[in-house]
Amino acid sequence: MEAEAARQGLTVEEYGVYKGDVGSVVKPVNSAGGLLFLSILITLIMTVVAVLLVKLVVDGTEEPNWGQIVFAVAFGLWIVPTAWAYYFKERKAARLRTQSGKTIELPTRRNSARD
């Protein structure tokens, strides 16, 4: 990422999150707006999961699978802050690029010809 930012004449802070799709089956959604949408969606999904976990424990009608509960809690404690951190990083980078009048060029695939 540092090399791609330097190639475009940007600092790492101005570049933001990784913009390519190398190693990805799905095209990345990494604009500030796209990351905001994903952050909100992930937060809502994990909130529903948390409510269902609380309901499962409070009801007491079924024996909870503690392994799955611990995994869901650990995953939620990791994915929600990570999603928001990526959003804030890209929002700051977009603001810095706008202030300095720079644009970003999306990287090509790694196996394509170099400039």
C-alpha atoms as a PDB file:
ATOM      1  CA  MET A   1       0.000   0.000   0.000  1.00  0.00           C
ATOM      2  CA  GLU A   2       2.865   2.368   0.798  1.00  0.00           C
ATOM      3  CA  ALA A   3       4.376   1.772  -2.650  1.00  0.00           C
ATOM      4  CA  GLU A   4       1.043   2.428  -4.380  1.00  0.00           C
ATOM      5  CA  ALA A   5       0.547   5.649  -2.425  1.00  0.00           C
ATOM      6  CA  ALA A   6       4.081   6.817  -3.262  1.00  0.00           C
ATOM      7  CA  ARG A   7       3.572   5.934  -6.947  1.00  0.00           C
ATOM      8  CA  GLN A   8       0.576   8.263  -7.026  1.00  0.00           C
ATOM      9  CA  GLY A   9       2.351  11.045  -5.158  1.00  0.00           C
ATOM     10  CA  LEU A  10       0.238  10.622  -2.028  1.00  0.00           C
ATOM     11  CA  THR A  11       1.157  10.063   1.578  1.00  0.00           C
ATOM     12  CA  VAL A  12      -0.130   6.880   3.201  1.00  0.00           C
ATOM     13  CA  GLU A  13      -2.546   9.053   5.186  1.00  0.00           C
ATOM     14  CA  GLU A  14      -3.911  10.595   1.957  1.00  0.00           C
ATOM     15  CA  TYR A  15      -4.168   7.197   0.261  1.00  0.00           C
ATOM     16  CA  GLY A  16      -6.446   5.744   2.934  1.00  0.00           C
ATOM     17  CA  VAL A  17      -7.504   2.108   2.775  1.00  0.00           C
ATOM     18  CA  TYR A  18      -6.320  -0.355   0.111  1.00  0.00           C
ATOM     19  CA  LYS A  19      -8.049   0.369  -3.189  1.00  0.00           C
ATOM     20  CA  GLY A  20      -7.294  -2.741  -5.246  1.00  0.00           C
ATOM     21  CA  ASP A  21      -9.065  -6.037  -5.668  1.00  0.00           C
ATOM     22  CA  VAL A  22      -6.066  -8.385  -5.757  1.00  0.00           C
ATOM     23  CA  GLY A  23      -6.945 -11.581  -3.936  1.00  0.00           C
ATOM     24  CA  SER A  24     -10.606 -10.610  -3.735  1.00  0.00           C
ATOM     25  CA  VAL A  25     -13.515 -12.374  -5.392  1.00  0.00           C
ATOM     26  CA  VAL A  26     -15.775  -9.367  -4.862  1.00  0.00           C
ATOM     27  CA  LYS A  27     -14.893  -5.878  -6.072  1.00  0.00           C
ATOM     28  CA  PRO A  28     -14.087  -3.862  -2.960  1.00  0.00           C
ATOM     29  CA  VAL A  29     -16.363  -1.102  -1.762  1.00  0.00           C
ATOM     30  CA  ASN A  30     -13.796   1.227  -0.276  1.00  0.00           C
ATOM     31  CA  SER A  31     -15.005   4.753  -0.845  1.00  0.00           C
ATOM     32  CA  ALA A  32     -15.981   6.642   2.288  1.00  0.00           C
ATOM     33  CA  GLY A  33     -19.675   6.229   1.418  1.00  0.00           C
ATOM     34  CA  GLY A  34     -19.331   2.518   0.714  1.00  0.00           C
ATOM     35  CA  LEU A  35     -17.430   1.919   3.923  1.00  0.00           C
ATOM     36  CA  LEU A  36     -20.019   3.911   5.883  1.00  0.00           C
ATOM     37  CA  PHE A  37     -22.765   1.691   4.459  1.00  0.00           C
ATOM     38  CA  LEU A  38     -20.826  -1.473   5.326  1.00  0.00           C
ATOM     39  CA  SER A  39     -20.020  -0.209   8.835  1.00  0.00           C
ATOM     40  CA  ILE A  40     -23.664   0.549   9.552  1.00  0.00           C
ATOM     41  CA  LEU A  41     -24.764  -2.798   8.092  1.00  0.00           C
ATOM     42  CA  ILE A  42     -22.201  -4.762  10.115  1.00  0.00           C
ATOM     43  CA  THR A  43     -23.129  -2.866  13.280  1.00  0.00           C
ATOM     44  CA  LEU A  44     -26.838  -3.592  12.758  1.00  0.00           C
ATOM     45  CA  ILE A  45     -26.209  -7.288  12.091  1.00  0.00           C
ATOM     46  CA  MET A  46     -24.005  -7.651  15.163  1.00  0.00           C
ATOM     47  CA  THR A  47     -26.603  -5.785  17.256  1.00  0.00           C
ATOM     48  CA  VAL A  48     -29.257  -8.293  16.185  1.00  0.00           C
ATOM     49  CA  VAL A  49     -26.867 -11.141  17.026  1.00  0.00           C
ATOM     50  CA  ALA A  50     -26.210  -9.607  20.468  1.00  0.00           C
ATOM     51  CA  VAL A  51     -29.945  -9.267  21.165  1.00  0.00           C
ATOM     52  CA  LEU A  52     -30.529 -12.884  20.129  1.00  0.00           C
ATOM     53  CA  LEU A  53     -27.658 -14.050  22.356  1.00  0.00           C
ATOM     54  CA  VAL A  54     -29.078 -12.169  25.346  1.00  0.00           C
ATOM     55  CA  LYS A  55     -32.525 -13.621  24.621  1.00  0.00           C
ATOM     56  CA  LEU A  56     -31.026 -17.121  24.431  1.00  0.00           C
ATOM     57  CA  VAL A  57     -29.284 -16.766  27.788  1.00  0.00           C
ATOM     58  CA  VAL A  58     -32.218 -15.042  29.551  1.00  0.00           C
ATOM     59  CA  ASP A  59     -34.882 -17.468  28.263  1.00  0.00           C
ATOM     60  CA  GLY A  60     -33.141 -20.506  29.640  1.00  0.00           C
ATOM     61  CA  THR A  61     -35.348 -22.794  27.524  1.00  0.00           C
ATOM     62  CA  GLU A  62     -32.377 -24.195  25.603  1.00  0.00           C
ATOM     63  CA  GLU A  63     -28.882 -25.098  26.706  1.00  0.00           C
ATOM     64  CA  PRO A  64     -26.626 -22.509  25.027  1.00  0.00           C
ATOM     65  CA  ASN A  65     -23.595 -23.620  23.033  1.00  0.00           C
ATOM     66  CA  TRP A  66     -20.942 -21.592  24.836  1.00  0.00           C
ATOM     67  CA  GLY A  67     -18.326 -22.154  22.141  1.00  0.00           C
ATOM     68  CA  GLN A  68     -20.518 -20.508  19.525  1.00  0.00           C
ATOM     69  CA  ILE A  69     -21.451 -17.700  21.908  1.00  0.00           C
ATOM     70  CA  VAL A  70     -17.812 -16.931  22.730  1.00  0.00           C
ATOM     71  CA  PHE A  71     -16.950 -16.980  19.012  1.00  0.00           C
ATOM     72  CA  ALA A  72     -19.844 -14.640  18.141  1.00  0.00           C
ATOM     73  CA  VAL A  73     -18.907 -12.189  20.900  1.00  0.00           C
ATOM     74  CA  ALA A  74     -15.207 -12.233  19.966  1.00  0.00           C
ATOM     75  CA  PHE A  75     -16.039 -11.791  16.278  1.00  0.00           C
ATOM     76  CA  GLY A  76     -18.380  -8.896  17.052  1.00  0.00           C
ATOM     77  CA  LEU A  77     -15.804  -7.219  19.275  1.00  0.00           C
ATOM     78  CA  TRP A  78     -13.327  -7.444  16.376  1.00  0.00           C
ATOM     79  CA  ILE A  79     -15.414  -6.724  13.248  1.00  0.00           C
ATOM     80  CA  VAL A  80     -17.432  -3.702  14.400  1.00  0.00           C
ATOM     81  CA  PRO A  81     -14.479  -1.527  15.513  1.00  0.00           C
ATOM     82  CA  THR A  82     -12.457  -2.646  12.475  1.00  0.00           C
ATOM     83  CA  ALA A  83     -15.221  -1.623  10.066  1.00  0.00           C
ATOM     84  CA  TRP A  84     -15.571   1.796  11.683  1.00  0.00           C
ATOM     85  CA  ALA A  85     -11.782   2.278  11.787  1.00  0.00           C
ATOM     86  CA  TYR A  86     -11.583   1.661   8.022  1.00  0.00           C
ATOM     87  CA  TYR A  87     -14.429   4.112   7.434  1.00  0.00           C
ATOM     88  CA  PHE A  88     -12.817   6.867   9.522  1.00  0.00           C
ATOM     89  CA  LYS A  89      -9.425   6.250   7.898  1.00  0.00           C
ATOM     90  CA  GLU A  90     -10.897   6.569   4.391  1.00  0.00           C
ATOM     91  CA  ARG A  91     -13.020   9.586   5.320  1.00  0.00           C
ATOM     92  CA  LYS A  92      -9.928  11.363   6.635  1.00  0.00           C
ATOM     93  CA  ALA A  93      -7.957  10.392   3.513  1.00  0.00           C
ATOM     94  CA  ALA A  94     -10.719  11.668   1.216  1.00  0.00           C
ATOM     95  CA  ARG A  95     -10.808  14.953   3.121  1.00  0.00           C
ATOM     96  CA  LEU A  96      -7.009  15.308   2.885  1.00  0.00           C
ATOM     97  CA  ARG A  97      -7.052  14.551  -0.858  1.00  0.00           C
ATOM     98  CA  THR A  98      -9.796  17.127  -1.408  1.00  0.00           C
ATOM     99  CA  GLN A  99      -7.937  19.786   0.582  1.00  0.00           C
ATOM    100  CA  SER A 100      -4.726  19.232  -1.361  1.00  0.00           C
ATOM    101  CA  GLY A 101      -6.511  18.929  -4.724  1.00  0.00           C
ATOM    102  CA  LYS A 102      -5.195  15.408  -5.376  1.00  0.00           C
ATOM    103  CA  THR A 103      -7.081  12.555  -6.967  1.00  0.00           C
ATOM    104  CA  ILE A 104      -6.559   8.850  -6.624  1.00  0.00           C
ATOM    105  CA  GLU A 105      -6.025   6.370  -9.419  1.00  0.00           C
ATOM    106  CA  LEU A 106      -7.212   2.855  -8.653  1.00  0.00           C
ATOM    107  CA  PRO A 107      -4.369   0.315  -8.852  1.00  0.00           C
ATOM    108  CA  THR A 108      -4.235  -2.291 -11.576  1.00  0.00           C
ATOM    109  CA  ARG A 109      -3.985  -6.000 -10.946  1.00  0.00           C
ATOM    110  CA  ARG A 110      -0.546  -7.140  -9.800  1.00  0.00           C
ATOM    111  CA  ASN A 111      -0.124  -9.428 -12.796  1.00  0.00           C
ATOM    112  CA  SER A 112      -0.810  -6.650 -15.314  1.00  0.00           C
ATOM    113  CA  ALA A 113       1.949  -4.773 -17.120  1.00  0.00           C
ATOM    114  CA  ARG A 114       3.705  -2.083 -15.097  1.00  0.00           C
ATOM    115  CA  ASP A 115       3.864   1.551 -16.260  1.00  0.00           C
END
